[in-house]
Amino acid sequence: MKIIKPTIGISQCLTDCFVRYDAKSQFNSDLINTLEQHFKLVPVCPEVECGMGVPRPPIQLVETEQGIRVIGRDDKQLDVTDKLNNYSNTKVQSLYNLSGYVFKTRSPSCGVNSTPVFSLQGEITKFANGVFVNALQKHYPQMPVIDDAEFADKTKLEQFILQAKEVS
């Protein structure tokens, strides 16, 4: 009898895909090996999938009079807020079968309470969720999420695995 594993989402840059803005990977073999023991993985890169390409200009969250915007780190005229929000709000609707999600820390799209938010003067004012995380949590508020930095904490890892398996 074949055991069917629950399915979770994962930031694609944590796999062996070169999708980061700098065309590098943040591949973490320990993380992937641990997760694959328990789950089927569905990699997603919101920045690539919304059409930003690889490599691409780096982006960051910036607090403006209009709220938090996703603006180019080096090119302040680059504003991909609407593009990333539209993609994220559409994509999450197709992820109804996921039991949990593993995100990349500090990412403007995928950080879980770890993404720096900058002032217009370039100073970090706070830390927040990335755009894709916000969309996912708005659509699926009960879905367990964790970021790759939290995997060093064995208690958080075990808690995430148990929660994600309960959801399935």
N, C-alpha and C. Protein backbone atom coordinates (compact mmCIF):
# COMPACT_ATOMS: atom_id res chain seq x y z
N MET A 1 0.84 -1.18 0.00
CA MET A 1 0.00 0.00 0.00
C MET A 1 0.88 1.25 0.00
N LYS A 2 0.60 2.16 -0.92
CA LYS A 2 1.39 3.37 -1.03
C LYS A 2 0.83 4.44 -0.09
N ILE A 3 1.72 5.06 0.68
CA ILE A 3 1.32 6.13 1.59
C ILE A 3 1.34 7.44 0.81
N ILE A 4 0.23 8.15 0.90
CA ILE A 4 0.14 9.44 0.22
C ILE A 4 0.55 10.53 1.21
N LYS A 5 1.57 11.30 0.82
CA LYS A 5 2.07 12.37 1.68
C LYS A 5 1.23 13.63 1.48
N PRO A 6 1.05 14.39 2.56
CA PRO A 6 0.40 15.70 2.41
C PRO A 6 1.28 16.60 1.53
N THR A 7 0.66 17.61 0.94
CA THR A 7 1.36 18.53 0.05
C THR A 7 1.53 19.88 0.74
N ILE A 8 2.74 20.42 0.67
CA ILE A 8 3.00 21.75 1.20
C ILE A 8 3.66 22.60 0.12
N GLY A 9 3.51 23.90 0.25
CA GLY A 9 4.21 24.82 -0.64
C GLY A 9 5.57 25.17 -0.06
N ILE A 10 6.47 25.59 -0.93
CA ILE A 10 7.80 26.00 -0.49
C ILE A 10 8.32 27.09 -1.43
N SER A 11 9.00 28.06 -0.85
CA SER A 11 9.64 29.08 -1.68
C SER A 11 10.63 28.38 -2.60
N GLN A 12 10.49 28.60 -3.89
CA GLN A 12 11.27 27.86 -4.87
C GLN A 12 12.77 28.09 -4.72
N CYS A 13 13.19 29.24 -4.22
CA CYS A 13 14.63 29.50 -4.06
C CYS A 13 15.27 28.59 -3.02
N LEU A 14 14.46 27.94 -2.17
CA LEU A 14 15.00 27.00 -1.18
C LEU A 14 15.27 25.63 -1.79
N THR A 15 14.75 25.41 -2.98
CA THR A 15 15.03 24.17 -3.71
C THR A 15 16.29 24.41 -4.53
N ASP A 16 16.60 23.50 -5.41
CA ASP A 16 17.82 23.65 -6.20
C ASP A 16 17.59 24.44 -7.48
N CYS A 17 16.59 25.33 -7.48
CA CYS A 17 16.30 26.18 -8.64
C CYS A 17 16.94 27.56 -8.45
N PHE A 18 17.45 28.10 -9.51
CA PHE A 18 18.12 29.39 -9.47
C PHE A 18 17.14 30.48 -9.87
N VAL A 19 16.31 30.90 -8.90
CA VAL A 19 15.23 31.84 -9.19
C VAL A 19 15.36 33.17 -8.44
N ARG A 20 16.36 33.30 -7.60
CA ARG A 20 16.51 34.56 -6.86
C ARG A 20 16.82 35.72 -7.81
N TYR A 21 16.68 36.92 -7.31
CA TYR A 21 16.95 38.11 -8.13
C TYR A 21 18.37 38.10 -8.71
N ASP A 22 19.32 37.53 -7.97
CA ASP A 22 20.71 37.49 -8.41
C ASP A 22 21.06 36.19 -9.14
N ALA A 23 20.04 35.44 -9.54
CA ALA A 23 20.18 34.17 -10.28
C ALA A 23 20.91 33.10 -9.47
N LYS A 24 20.83 33.20 -8.16
CA LYS A 24 21.42 32.19 -7.29
C LYS A 24 20.31 31.39 -6.62
N SER A 25 20.72 30.34 -5.92
CA SER A 25 19.79 29.49 -5.18
C SER A 25 20.13 29.61 -3.70
N GLN A 26 19.16 29.40 -2.87
CA GLN A 26 19.37 29.31 -1.43
C GLN A 26 19.15 27.86 -0.99
N PHE A 27 19.53 26.94 -1.87
CA PHE A 27 19.30 25.51 -1.65
C PHE A 27 19.78 25.08 -0.28
N ASN A 28 18.89 24.41 0.43
CA ASN A 28 19.19 23.91 1.76
C ASN A 28 18.84 22.43 1.76
N SER A 29 19.86 21.60 1.54
CA SER A 29 19.61 20.17 1.39
C SER A 29 19.04 19.55 2.65
N ASP A 30 19.47 19.99 3.84
CA ASP A 30 18.91 19.44 5.08
C ASP A 30 17.42 19.75 5.18
N LEU A 31 17.07 20.96 4.86
CA LEU A 31 15.67 21.38 4.89
C LEU A 31 14.84 20.54 3.93
N ILE A 32 15.30 20.44 2.68
CA ILE A 32 14.57 19.70 1.65
C ILE A 32 14.47 18.22 2.02
N ASN A 33 15.58 17.62 2.47
CA ASN A 33 15.55 16.20 2.86
C ASN A 33 14.57 15.94 4.00
N THR A 34 14.57 16.83 4.98
CA THR A 34 13.64 16.67 6.11
C THR A 34 12.19 16.79 5.63
N LEU A 35 11.91 17.81 4.84
CA LEU A 35 10.54 18.01 4.37
C LEU A 35 10.07 16.88 3.48
N GLU A 36 10.94 16.39 2.58
CA GLU A 36 10.54 15.33 1.66
C GLU A 36 10.24 14.01 2.36
N GLN A 37 10.72 13.84 3.59
CA GLN A 37 10.37 12.64 4.36
C GLN A 37 8.89 12.64 4.73
N HIS A 38 8.31 13.83 4.83
CA HIS A 38 6.94 13.97 5.33
C HIS A 38 5.93 14.48 4.30
N PHE A 39 6.42 15.21 3.29
CA PHE A 39 5.52 15.94 2.41
C PHE A 39 5.91 15.85 0.94
N LYS A 40 4.93 16.09 0.09
CA LYS A 40 5.18 16.38 -1.31
C LYS A 40 5.33 17.90 -1.38
N LEU A 41 6.37 18.38 -2.09
CA LEU A 41 6.67 19.81 -2.13
C LEU A 41 6.20 20.45 -3.43
N VAL A 42 5.57 21.62 -3.32
CA VAL A 42 5.15 22.40 -4.47
C VAL A 42 5.91 23.73 -4.42
N PRO A 43 6.95 23.87 -5.25
CA PRO A 43 7.73 25.12 -5.23
C PRO A 43 7.04 26.24 -5.99
N VAL A 44 7.10 27.45 -5.41
CA VAL A 44 6.52 28.64 -6.02
C VAL A 44 7.49 29.80 -5.83
N CYS A 45 7.72 30.57 -6.89
CA CYS A 45 8.47 31.82 -6.79
C CYS A 45 7.57 32.93 -7.32
N PRO A 46 6.93 33.68 -6.43
CA PRO A 46 6.02 34.73 -6.88
C PRO A 46 6.68 35.77 -7.78
N GLU A 47 7.91 36.10 -7.51
CA GLU A 47 8.58 37.14 -8.29
C GLU A 47 8.83 36.69 -9.73
N VAL A 48 9.26 35.45 -9.91
CA VAL A 48 9.45 34.93 -11.26
C VAL A 48 8.11 34.72 -11.94
N GLU A 49 7.17 34.11 -11.22
CA GLU A 49 5.89 33.75 -11.82
C GLU A 49 5.03 34.96 -12.17
N CYS A 50 5.30 36.12 -11.56
CA CYS A 50 4.54 37.32 -11.93
C CYS A 50 5.20 38.05 -13.09
N GLY A 51 6.33 37.48 -13.60
CA GLY A 51 6.94 38.02 -14.80
C GLY A 51 8.18 38.87 -14.59
N MET A 52 8.77 38.84 -13.40
CA MET A 52 9.93 39.70 -13.14
C MET A 52 11.24 39.13 -13.68
N GLY A 53 11.28 37.83 -13.97
CA GLY A 53 12.46 37.24 -14.60
C GLY A 53 13.63 36.98 -13.67
N VAL A 54 14.67 36.37 -14.23
CA VAL A 54 15.92 36.05 -13.53
C VAL A 54 17.06 36.31 -14.50
N PRO A 55 18.08 37.06 -14.12
CA PRO A 55 18.11 37.89 -12.91
C PRO A 55 17.15 39.06 -13.07
N ARG A 56 16.94 39.77 -11.95
CA ARG A 56 16.03 40.92 -11.94
C ARG A 56 16.55 41.94 -10.94
N PRO A 57 16.10 43.16 -11.07
CA PRO A 57 16.52 44.17 -10.08
C PRO A 57 16.01 43.78 -8.69
N PRO A 58 16.84 43.96 -7.66
CA PRO A 58 16.38 43.66 -6.30
C PRO A 58 15.27 44.62 -5.88
N ILE A 59 14.34 44.11 -5.09
CA ILE A 59 13.21 44.90 -4.61
C ILE A 59 13.18 44.88 -3.09
N GLN A 60 12.45 45.83 -2.52
CA GLN A 60 12.30 45.87 -1.07
C GLN A 60 10.96 46.49 -0.72
N LEU A 61 10.52 46.26 0.51
CA LEU A 61 9.30 46.87 1.00
C LEU A 61 9.62 48.26 1.52
N VAL A 62 8.81 49.24 1.10
CA VAL A 62 9.03 50.63 1.50
C VAL A 62 7.72 51.21 2.00
N GLU A 63 7.76 51.84 3.18
CA GLU A 63 6.60 52.51 3.75
C GLU A 63 6.45 53.87 3.08
N THR A 64 5.30 54.06 2.43
CA THR A 64 5.03 55.33 1.74
C THR A 64 3.71 55.90 2.27
N GLU A 65 3.34 57.06 1.78
CA GLU A 65 2.05 57.66 2.16
C GLU A 65 0.89 56.78 1.69
N GLN A 66 1.11 55.98 0.65
CA GLN A 66 0.09 55.07 0.13
C GLN A 66 0.14 53.70 0.81
N GLY A 67 0.94 53.54 1.83
CA GLY A 67 1.11 52.25 2.49
C GLY A 67 2.41 51.60 2.06
N ILE A 68 2.55 50.33 2.36
CA ILE A 68 3.78 49.61 2.00
C ILE A 68 3.75 49.29 0.51
N ARG A 69 4.82 49.66 -0.17
CA ARG A 69 4.97 49.43 -1.61
C ARG A 69 6.19 48.53 -1.82
N VAL A 70 6.21 47.83 -2.95
CA VAL A 70 7.35 47.00 -3.33
C VAL A 70 8.11 47.77 -4.41
N ILE A 71 9.25 48.29 -4.02
CA ILE A 71 10.01 49.22 -4.86
C ILE A 71 11.42 48.70 -5.07
N GLY A 72 12.00 49.07 -6.20
CA GLY A 72 13.37 48.66 -6.49
C GLY A 72 14.34 49.16 -5.43
N ARG A 73 15.26 48.30 -5.02
CA ARG A 73 16.27 48.70 -4.03
C ARG A 73 17.20 49.77 -4.61
N ASP A 74 17.61 49.56 -5.86
CA ASP A 74 18.54 50.48 -6.50
C ASP A 74 17.84 51.48 -7.41
N ASP A 75 16.75 51.06 -8.02
CA ASP A 75 15.97 51.91 -8.92
C ASP A 75 14.64 52.23 -8.23
N LYS A 76 14.59 53.36 -7.57
CA LYS A 76 13.41 53.75 -6.78
C LYS A 76 12.19 54.02 -7.67
N GLN A 77 12.38 54.12 -8.99
CA GLN A 77 11.24 54.31 -9.90
C GLN A 77 10.54 52.99 -10.20
N LEU A 78 11.21 51.88 -9.94
CA LEU A 78 10.63 50.56 -10.16
C LEU A 78 9.64 50.26 -9.04
N ASP A 79 8.39 50.10 -9.38
CA ASP A 79 7.35 49.77 -8.41
C ASP A 79 6.57 48.57 -8.94
N VAL A 80 6.74 47.43 -8.29
CA VAL A 80 6.09 46.19 -8.73
C VAL A 80 4.98 45.77 -7.77
N THR A 81 4.52 46.70 -6.96
CA THR A 81 3.50 46.39 -5.95
C THR A 81 2.26 45.77 -6.57
N ASP A 82 1.69 46.44 -7.56
CA ASP A 82 0.45 45.95 -8.15
C ASP A 82 0.65 44.61 -8.84
N LYS A 83 1.74 44.48 -9.57
CA LYS A 83 2.05 43.23 -10.28
C LYS A 83 2.16 42.07 -9.29
N LEU A 84 2.90 42.27 -8.20
CA LEU A 84 3.11 41.20 -7.22
C LEU A 84 1.83 40.93 -6.43
N ASN A 85 1.09 41.96 -6.08
CA ASN A 85 -0.19 41.76 -5.37
C ASN A 85 -1.20 41.02 -6.24
N ASN A 86 -1.34 41.43 -7.49
CA ASN A 86 -2.29 40.77 -8.39
C ASN A 86 -1.95 39.31 -8.58
N TYR A 87 -0.67 39.02 -8.84
CA TYR A 87 -0.25 37.63 -8.99
C TYR A 87 -0.56 36.84 -7.71
N SER A 88 -0.13 37.39 -6.56
CA SER A 88 -0.28 36.68 -5.29
C SER A 88 -1.73 36.37 -4.98
N ASN A 89 -2.60 37.36 -5.15
CA ASN A 89 -4.02 37.15 -4.85
C ASN A 89 -4.66 36.12 -5.77
N THR A 90 -4.19 36.02 -7.01
CA THR A 90 -4.70 35.02 -7.93
C THR A 90 -4.11 33.65 -7.63
N LYS A 91 -2.80 33.57 -7.44
CA LYS A 91 -2.11 32.29 -7.24
C LYS A 91 -2.61 31.55 -6.00
N VAL A 92 -2.80 32.27 -4.90
CA VAL A 92 -3.18 31.58 -3.66
C VAL A 92 -4.50 30.83 -3.80
N GLN A 93 -5.36 31.28 -4.69
CA GLN A 93 -6.63 30.59 -4.87
C GLN A 93 -6.44 29.17 -5.40
N SER A 94 -5.33 28.93 -6.10
CA SER A 94 -5.06 27.60 -6.65
C SER A 94 -4.33 26.69 -5.65
N LEU A 95 -4.04 27.20 -4.47
CA LEU A 95 -3.24 26.43 -3.49
C LEU A 95 -4.10 25.85 -2.37
N TYR A 96 -5.38 25.64 -2.66
CA TYR A 96 -6.33 25.16 -1.65
C TYR A 96 -5.98 23.78 -1.11
N ASN A 97 -5.20 23.01 -1.85
CA ASN A 97 -4.88 21.64 -1.44
C ASN A 97 -3.64 21.55 -0.55
N LEU A 98 -3.01 22.68 -0.25
CA LEU A 98 -1.80 22.65 0.57
C LEU A 98 -2.13 22.49 2.05
N SER A 99 -1.24 21.78 2.73
CA SER A 99 -1.39 21.57 4.18
C SER A 99 -0.51 22.51 4.98
N GLY A 100 0.37 23.24 4.33
CA GLY A 100 1.28 24.16 5.01
C GLY A 100 2.17 24.82 3.98
N TYR A 101 3.03 25.73 4.47
CA TYR A 101 3.91 26.45 3.54
C TYR A 101 5.21 26.81 4.24
N VAL A 102 6.32 26.61 3.53
CA VAL A 102 7.66 26.96 4.01
C VAL A 102 8.16 28.12 3.16
N PHE A 103 8.47 29.24 3.81
CA PHE A 103 8.88 30.45 3.12
C PHE A 103 10.34 30.80 3.34
N LYS A 104 10.85 31.67 2.48
CA LYS A 104 12.22 32.17 2.57
C LYS A 104 12.23 33.43 3.42
N THR A 105 13.00 33.40 4.48
CA THR A 105 13.09 34.53 5.39
C THR A 105 13.60 35.79 4.68
N ARG A 106 13.11 36.93 5.11
CA ARG A 106 13.53 38.28 4.69
C ARG A 106 13.16 38.64 3.25
N SER A 107 12.48 37.78 2.53
CA SER A 107 12.11 38.05 1.15
C SER A 107 10.96 39.05 1.08
N PRO A 108 11.00 40.00 0.13
CA PRO A 108 9.89 40.94 -0.02
C PRO A 108 8.58 40.27 -0.42
N SER A 109 8.66 39.08 -0.98
CA SER A 109 7.44 38.36 -1.31
C SER A 109 7.17 37.24 -0.31
N CYS A 110 8.19 36.64 0.26
CA CYS A 110 8.00 35.40 1.04
C CYS A 110 8.46 35.44 2.50
N GLY A 111 8.92 36.54 3.01
CA GLY A 111 9.36 36.59 4.40
C GLY A 111 8.17 36.52 5.36
N VAL A 112 8.32 35.79 6.45
CA VAL A 112 7.28 35.68 7.47
C VAL A 112 7.70 36.54 8.67
N ASN A 113 7.12 37.71 8.77
CA ASN A 113 7.45 38.66 9.84
C ASN A 113 8.96 38.93 9.94
N SER A 114 9.66 38.77 8.86
CA SER A 114 11.12 38.94 8.87
C SER A 114 11.62 39.89 7.78
N THR A 115 10.72 40.39 6.95
CA THR A 115 11.12 41.22 5.83
C THR A 115 11.25 42.67 6.29
N PRO A 116 12.43 43.26 6.11
CA PRO A 116 12.58 44.65 6.52
C PRO A 116 11.70 45.58 5.69
N VAL A 117 11.09 46.53 6.38
CA VAL A 117 10.32 47.59 5.72
C VAL A 117 11.13 48.87 5.92
N PHE A 118 11.42 49.51 4.78
CA PHE A 118 12.28 50.69 4.81
C PHE A 118 11.45 51.97 4.74
N SER A 119 11.99 53.02 5.33
CA SER A 119 11.42 54.35 5.15
C SER A 119 11.87 54.88 3.79
N LEU A 120 11.29 55.98 3.37
CA LEU A 120 11.72 56.61 2.12
C LEU A 120 13.17 57.07 2.20
N GLN A 121 13.68 57.25 3.42
CA GLN A 121 15.07 57.65 3.61
C GLN A 121 16.02 56.45 3.66
N GLY A 122 15.47 55.23 3.57
CA GLY A 122 16.31 54.04 3.50
C GLY A 122 16.61 53.39 4.83
N GLU A 123 15.92 53.77 5.89
CA GLU A 123 16.15 53.16 7.20
C GLU A 123 15.09 52.09 7.46
N ILE A 124 15.49 51.02 8.12
CA ILE A 124 14.52 49.97 8.48
C ILE A 124 13.63 50.50 9.59
N THR A 125 12.31 50.46 9.36
CA THR A 125 11.37 50.95 10.35
C THR A 125 10.67 49.83 11.11
N LYS A 126 10.56 48.67 10.48
CA LYS A 126 9.92 47.52 11.12
C LYS A 126 10.16 46.29 10.24
N PHE A 127 9.64 45.16 10.70
CA PHE A 127 9.69 43.92 9.93
C PHE A 127 8.26 43.46 9.71
N ALA A 128 8.00 42.90 8.54
CA ALA A 128 6.64 42.51 8.17
C ALA A 128 6.66 41.25 7.33
N ASN A 129 5.47 40.79 6.97
CA ASN A 129 5.34 39.69 6.02
C ASN A 129 5.60 40.19 4.61
N GLY A 130 6.06 39.29 3.76
CA GLY A 130 6.14 39.59 2.35
C GLY A 130 4.76 39.58 1.72
N VAL A 131 4.66 40.09 0.51
CA VAL A 131 3.39 40.25 -0.19
C VAL A 131 2.68 38.91 -0.38
N PHE A 132 3.40 37.89 -0.82
CA PHE A 132 2.78 36.58 -1.06
C PHE A 132 2.31 35.95 0.24
N VAL A 133 3.07 36.10 1.30
CA VAL A 133 2.67 35.57 2.61
C VAL A 133 1.36 36.22 3.05
N ASN A 134 1.27 37.54 2.90
CA ASN A 134 0.02 38.23 3.28
C ASN A 134 -1.18 37.68 2.52
N ALA A 135 -1.02 37.49 1.22
CA ALA A 135 -2.13 36.97 0.40
C ALA A 135 -2.51 35.56 0.85
N LEU A 136 -1.53 34.71 1.08
CA LEU A 136 -1.80 33.33 1.49
C LEU A 136 -2.51 33.30 2.84
N GLN A 137 -2.00 34.08 3.79
CA GLN A 137 -2.60 34.06 5.13
C GLN A 137 -3.99 34.70 5.15
N LYS A 138 -4.23 35.65 4.27
CA LYS A 138 -5.57 36.24 4.17
C LYS A 138 -6.55 35.20 3.64
N HIS A 139 -6.12 34.43 2.65
CA HIS A 139 -7.00 33.44 2.01
C HIS A 139 -7.14 32.16 2.85
N TYR A 140 -6.06 31.77 3.53
CA TYR A 140 -6.04 30.54 4.33
C TYR A 140 -5.47 30.84 5.72
N PRO A 141 -6.22 31.53 6.57
CA PRO A 141 -5.68 31.97 7.85
C PRO A 141 -5.26 30.83 8.79
N GLN A 142 -5.79 29.64 8.60
CA GLN A 142 -5.45 28.51 9.47
C GLN A 142 -4.26 27.69 8.97
N MET A 143 -3.76 28.00 7.76
CA MET A 143 -2.66 27.21 7.20
C MET A 143 -1.38 27.45 8.00
N PRO A 144 -0.72 26.38 8.46
CA PRO A 144 0.55 26.56 9.16
C PRO A 144 1.64 27.04 8.20
N VAL A 145 2.39 28.04 8.64
CA VAL A 145 3.51 28.56 7.85
C VAL A 145 4.74 28.66 8.75
N ILE A 146 5.88 28.57 8.10
CA ILE A 146 7.17 28.67 8.80
C ILE A 146 8.17 29.20 7.77
N ASP A 147 9.25 29.82 8.24
CA ASP A 147 10.28 30.20 7.28
C ASP A 147 11.53 29.38 7.53
N ASP A 148 12.43 29.42 6.56
CA ASP A 148 13.60 28.55 6.61
C ASP A 148 14.48 28.80 7.83
N ALA A 149 14.52 30.02 8.34
CA ALA A 149 15.33 30.31 9.51
C ALA A 149 14.79 29.61 10.76
N GLU A 150 13.48 29.40 10.81
CA GLU A 150 12.88 28.75 11.97
C GLU A 150 13.16 27.25 12.01
N PHE A 151 13.65 26.68 10.92
CA PHE A 151 13.94 25.25 10.91
C PHE A 151 15.10 24.88 11.81
N ALA A 152 15.91 25.83 12.20
CA ALA A 152 17.00 25.56 13.14
C ALA A 152 16.44 25.23 14.52
N ASP A 153 15.24 25.70 14.80
CA ASP A 153 14.58 25.44 16.07
C ASP A 153 13.78 24.14 15.92
N LYS A 154 14.30 23.06 16.49
CA LYS A 154 13.69 21.73 16.33
C LYS A 154 12.25 21.69 16.83
N THR A 155 11.95 22.45 17.89
CA THR A 155 10.59 22.48 18.41
C THR A 155 9.64 23.09 17.39
N LYS A 156 10.04 24.21 16.77
CA LYS A 156 9.20 24.84 15.74
C LYS A 156 9.04 23.94 14.53
N LEU A 157 10.12 23.25 14.15
CA LEU A 157 10.06 22.33 13.02
C LEU A 157 9.07 21.21 13.29
N GLU A 158 9.19 20.57 14.45
CA GLU A 158 8.29 19.47 14.81
C GLU A 158 6.84 19.95 14.89
N GLN A 159 6.63 21.15 15.43
CA GLN A 159 5.29 21.71 15.53
C GLN A 159 4.70 21.95 14.14
N PHE A 160 5.51 22.50 13.23
CA PHE A 160 5.04 22.73 11.87
C PHE A 160 4.66 21.42 11.20
N ILE A 161 5.51 20.40 11.30
CA ILE A 161 5.24 19.10 10.68
C ILE A 161 3.94 18.51 11.21
N LEU A 162 3.76 18.55 12.51
CA LEU A 162 2.53 18.01 13.12
C LEU A 162 1.29 18.79 12.65
N GLN A 163 1.39 20.12 12.65
CA GLN A 163 0.25 20.94 12.23
C GLN A 163 -0.10 20.69 10.77
N ALA A 164 0.92 20.63 9.92
CA ALA A 164 0.67 20.42 8.50
C ALA A 164 0.07 19.04 8.24
N LYS A 165 0.49 18.05 8.98
CA LYS A 165 -0.08 16.71 8.81
C LYS A 165 -1.51 16.63 9.30
N GLU A 166 -1.85 17.43 10.34
CA GLU A 166 -3.22 17.47 10.85
C GLU A 166 -4.17 18.09 9.84
N VAL A 167 -3.68 19.06 9.09
CA VAL A 167 -4.51 19.77 8.12
C VAL A 167 -4.90 18.85 6.97
N SER A 168 -3.97 17.96 6.59
CA SER A 168 -4.21 17.13 5.40
C SER A 168 -5.36 16.16 5.54
